[in-house]
Amino acid sequence: MKYTAQQQTIIKEVKEYLKAIRSLKRERFHLLEEYNEDPSPHSPRFDETKGTSVSQIVRFNDYTQRRELLLKRIQLFDQELNQFMLMTFLLPTRQRCIIEVYMEALSYEEMLDVLNDKYYISTSTYKRELPEICLQLSQYIDYHQIPSLDDMNRKYLQMIQQMDLS
């Protein structure tokens, strides 16, 4: 299908938006892994000087505080991702499946394999549907305001500063 120059720019901008959302989802995944990581109780700390022992209570408090901060950061990412995923419910089922697989897949080949194996969506169908998905999504999202990791970090820092003030 032929698209006008304006439609092509919209498609390109929405693709950039989707890439940004995907990178946020990946960062959230890594934060969640870090959150779920169990520390060993006797792991050495590099910032300790030799001969100085940090009590288990201090270590536990540091660990708890770190987990609380990670959880707040994860919640911030969840907010952004959930807001986007709600918009995908306005799309037809096939297009929603393509978006969900796009967000979860680690590589392009893996995405195409999952689409083909699980949803029976071929590569040609994916390539044909993607511009349509972008045009449909452009009606619901602010694709000019692309979310970034830097923006999320700024929001997180502001949230932490507000917590310190209260």
Protein backbone atom coordinates (compact mmCIF):
# COMPACT_ATOMS: atom_id res chain seq x y z
CA MET A 1 0.00 0.00 0.00
CA LYS A 2 1.24 3.47 -0.83
CA TYR A 3 1.45 6.03 1.93
CA THR A 4 1.63 9.80 1.66
CA ALA A 5 4.73 11.65 2.83
CA GLN A 6 2.90 12.75 5.98
CA GLN A 7 1.83 9.18 6.74
CA GLN A 8 5.39 7.96 6.20
CA THR A 9 6.72 10.49 8.72
CA ILE A 10 4.04 9.44 11.21
CA ILE A 11 4.97 5.78 10.69
CA LYS A 12 8.65 6.57 11.22
CA GLU A 13 7.97 8.58 14.41
CA VAL A 14 5.68 5.90 15.86
CA LYS A 15 8.33 3.26 15.13
CA GLU A 16 10.80 5.36 17.13
CA TYR A 17 8.22 5.61 19.90
CA LEU A 18 7.80 1.81 19.88
CA LYS A 19 11.58 1.34 20.08
CA ALA A 20 11.70 3.67 23.09
CA ILE A 21 8.89 1.80 24.84
CA ARG A 22 10.67 -1.46 24.10
CA SER A 23 13.91 -0.17 25.66
CA LEU A 24 11.95 0.92 28.74
CA LYS A 25 10.46 -2.55 28.99
CA ARG A 26 13.91 -4.10 28.77
CA GLU A 27 15.24 -1.77 31.46
CA ARG A 28 12.29 -2.69 33.66
CA PHE A 29 13.10 -6.37 33.14
CA HIS A 30 16.71 -5.80 34.26
CA LEU A 31 15.56 -3.81 37.29
CA LEU A 32 13.17 -6.61 38.19
CA GLU A 33 16.00 -9.15 37.96
CA GLU A 34 18.10 -6.96 40.23
CA TYR A 35 15.17 -6.61 42.64
CA ASN A 36 14.64 -10.38 42.80
CA GLU A 37 18.32 -11.13 43.22
CA ASP A 38 19.07 -12.74 46.57
CA PRO A 39 22.30 -11.60 48.17
CA SER A 40 24.48 -14.11 49.90
CA PRO A 41 24.58 -13.31 53.61
CA HIS A 42 28.36 -13.33 53.83
CA SER A 43 29.30 -11.66 50.56
CA PRO A 44 32.23 -9.27 50.94
CA ARG A 45 31.69 -5.61 50.25
CA PHE A 46 34.29 -3.80 48.21
CA ASP A 47 33.93 -0.48 49.99
CA GLU A 48 34.82 -1.99 53.37
CA THR A 49 38.33 -1.60 54.60
CA LYS A 50 40.10 -4.75 55.73
CA GLY A 51 39.64 -5.57 59.34
CA THR A 52 36.39 -3.60 59.60
CA SER A 53 33.26 -5.65 59.88
CA VAL A 54 29.86 -4.25 59.00
CA SER A 55 27.14 -5.69 61.14
CA GLN A 56 24.42 -7.85 59.68
CA ILE A 57 21.84 -5.23 60.71
CA VAL A 58 23.55 -2.52 58.67
CA ARG A 59 23.80 -4.86 55.69
CA PHE A 60 20.16 -5.80 56.02
CA ASN A 61 19.12 -2.14 56.26
CA ASP A 62 21.16 -1.29 53.15
CA TYR A 63 19.66 -4.22 51.30
CA THR A 64 16.11 -3.27 52.34
CA GLN A 65 16.57 0.36 51.42
CA ARG A 66 18.05 -0.61 48.05
CA ARG A 67 15.08 -2.90 47.36
CA GLU A 68 12.61 -0.15 48.28
CA LEU A 69 14.29 2.26 45.87
CA LEU A 70 14.36 -0.37 43.12
CA LEU A 71 10.69 -1.06 43.69
CA LYS A 72 9.85 2.64 43.34
CA ARG A 73 11.82 2.78 40.11
CA ILE A 74 10.08 -0.34 38.78
CA GLN A 75 6.72 1.21 39.63
CA LEU A 76 7.67 4.31 37.65
CA PHE A 77 8.47 2.15 34.62
CA ASP A 78 5.24 0.19 35.13
CA GLN A 79 3.26 3.41 35.05
CA GLU A 80 4.68 4.40 31.68
CA LEU A 81 4.39 0.92 30.17
CA ASN A 82 0.86 0.33 31.44
CA GLN A 83 -0.26 3.65 30.02
CA PHE A 84 1.03 2.55 26.60
CA MET A 85 -0.33 -0.99 26.83
CA LEU A 86 -3.81 0.38 27.60
CA MET A 87 -3.70 2.16 24.26
CA THR A 88 -2.96 -1.12 22.49
CA PHE A 89 -6.34 -2.47 23.61
CA LEU A 90 -7.88 -0.08 21.10
CA LEU A 91 -6.17 -2.02 18.30
CA PRO A 92 -7.51 -5.16 16.63
CA THR A 93 -6.37 -8.45 18.16
CA ARG A 94 -3.84 -9.34 15.46
CA GLN A 95 -2.16 -5.95 15.72
CA ARG A 96 -2.14 -6.16 19.51
CA CYS A 97 -0.43 -9.56 19.30
CA ILE A 98 2.22 -8.13 17.01
CA ILE A 99 2.88 -5.26 19.44
CA GLU A 100 3.07 -7.59 22.46
CA VAL A 101 5.50 -9.94 20.73
CA TYR A 102 7.56 -6.96 19.55
CA MET A 103 7.85 -5.80 23.16
CA GLU A 104 8.83 -9.21 24.53
CA ALA A 105 11.16 -10.57 21.85
CA LEU A 106 14.89 -10.19 22.30
CA SER A 107 15.71 -10.15 18.61
CA TYR A 108 14.02 -9.60 15.27
CA GLU A 109 14.37 -13.27 14.33
CA GLU A 110 12.88 -14.40 17.64
CA MET A 111 9.96 -12.04 17.13
CA LEU A 112 9.26 -13.39 13.65
CA ASP A 113 9.52 -16.98 14.91
CA VAL A 114 7.08 -16.36 17.76
CA LEU A 115 4.65 -14.55 15.47
CA ASN A 116 4.81 -17.41 13.00
CA ASP A 117 4.73 -20.30 15.49
CA LYS A 118 2.30 -18.99 18.09
CA TYR A 119 0.01 -16.62 16.20
CA TYR A 120 0.45 -17.86 12.61
CA ILE A 121 1.43 -14.40 11.43
CA SER A 122 3.92 -14.58 8.57
CA THR A 123 6.80 -12.19 7.97
CA SER A 124 5.02 -10.63 5.00
CA THR A 125 1.88 -10.09 7.08
CA TYR A 126 3.98 -8.49 9.82
CA LYS A 127 5.63 -6.14 7.32
CA ARG A 128 2.25 -5.26 5.85
CA GLU A 129 0.58 -4.74 9.24
CA LEU A 130 3.32 -2.68 10.91
CA PRO A 131 2.61 0.59 9.04
CA GLU A 132 -1.11 0.13 9.72
CA ILE A 133 -0.37 -0.43 13.42
CA CYS A 134 1.71 2.73 13.49
CA LEU A 135 -1.01 4.79 11.83
CA GLN A 136 -3.66 3.43 14.19
CA LEU A 137 -1.50 3.98 17.28
CA SER A 138 -0.73 7.54 16.20
CA GLN A 139 -4.36 8.40 16.89
CA TYR A 140 -4.06 7.35 20.55
CA ILE A 141 -0.51 8.15 21.65
CA ASP A 142 1.56 11.30 21.74
CA TYR A 143 4.31 10.04 19.44
CA HIS A 144 6.03 13.43 19.48
CA GLN A 145 6.73 12.94 23.20
CA ILE A 146 8.99 9.88 23.01
CA PRO A 147 9.69 8.43 26.46
CA SER A 148 13.35 7.90 27.23
CA LEU A 149 15.48 6.39 29.94
CA ASP A 150 16.80 9.87 30.77
CA ASP A 151 13.26 11.13 31.33
CA MET A 152 12.51 8.19 33.58
CA ASN A 153 15.71 8.81 35.54
CA ARG A 154 14.75 12.48 36.00
CA LYS A 155 11.30 11.52 37.25
CA TYR A 156 12.87 8.99 39.60
CA LEU A 157 15.32 11.57 40.94
CA GLN A 158 12.49 14.05 41.51
CA MET A 159 10.50 11.39 43.30
CA ILE A 160 13.46 10.56 45.54
CA GLN A 161 14.07 14.23 46.29
CA GLN A 162 10.41 14.67 47.25
CA MET A 163 10.69 11.67 49.57
CA ASP A 164 13.74 13.25 51.24
CA LEU A 165 11.89 16.54 51.77
CA SER A 166 8.93 14.88 53.44
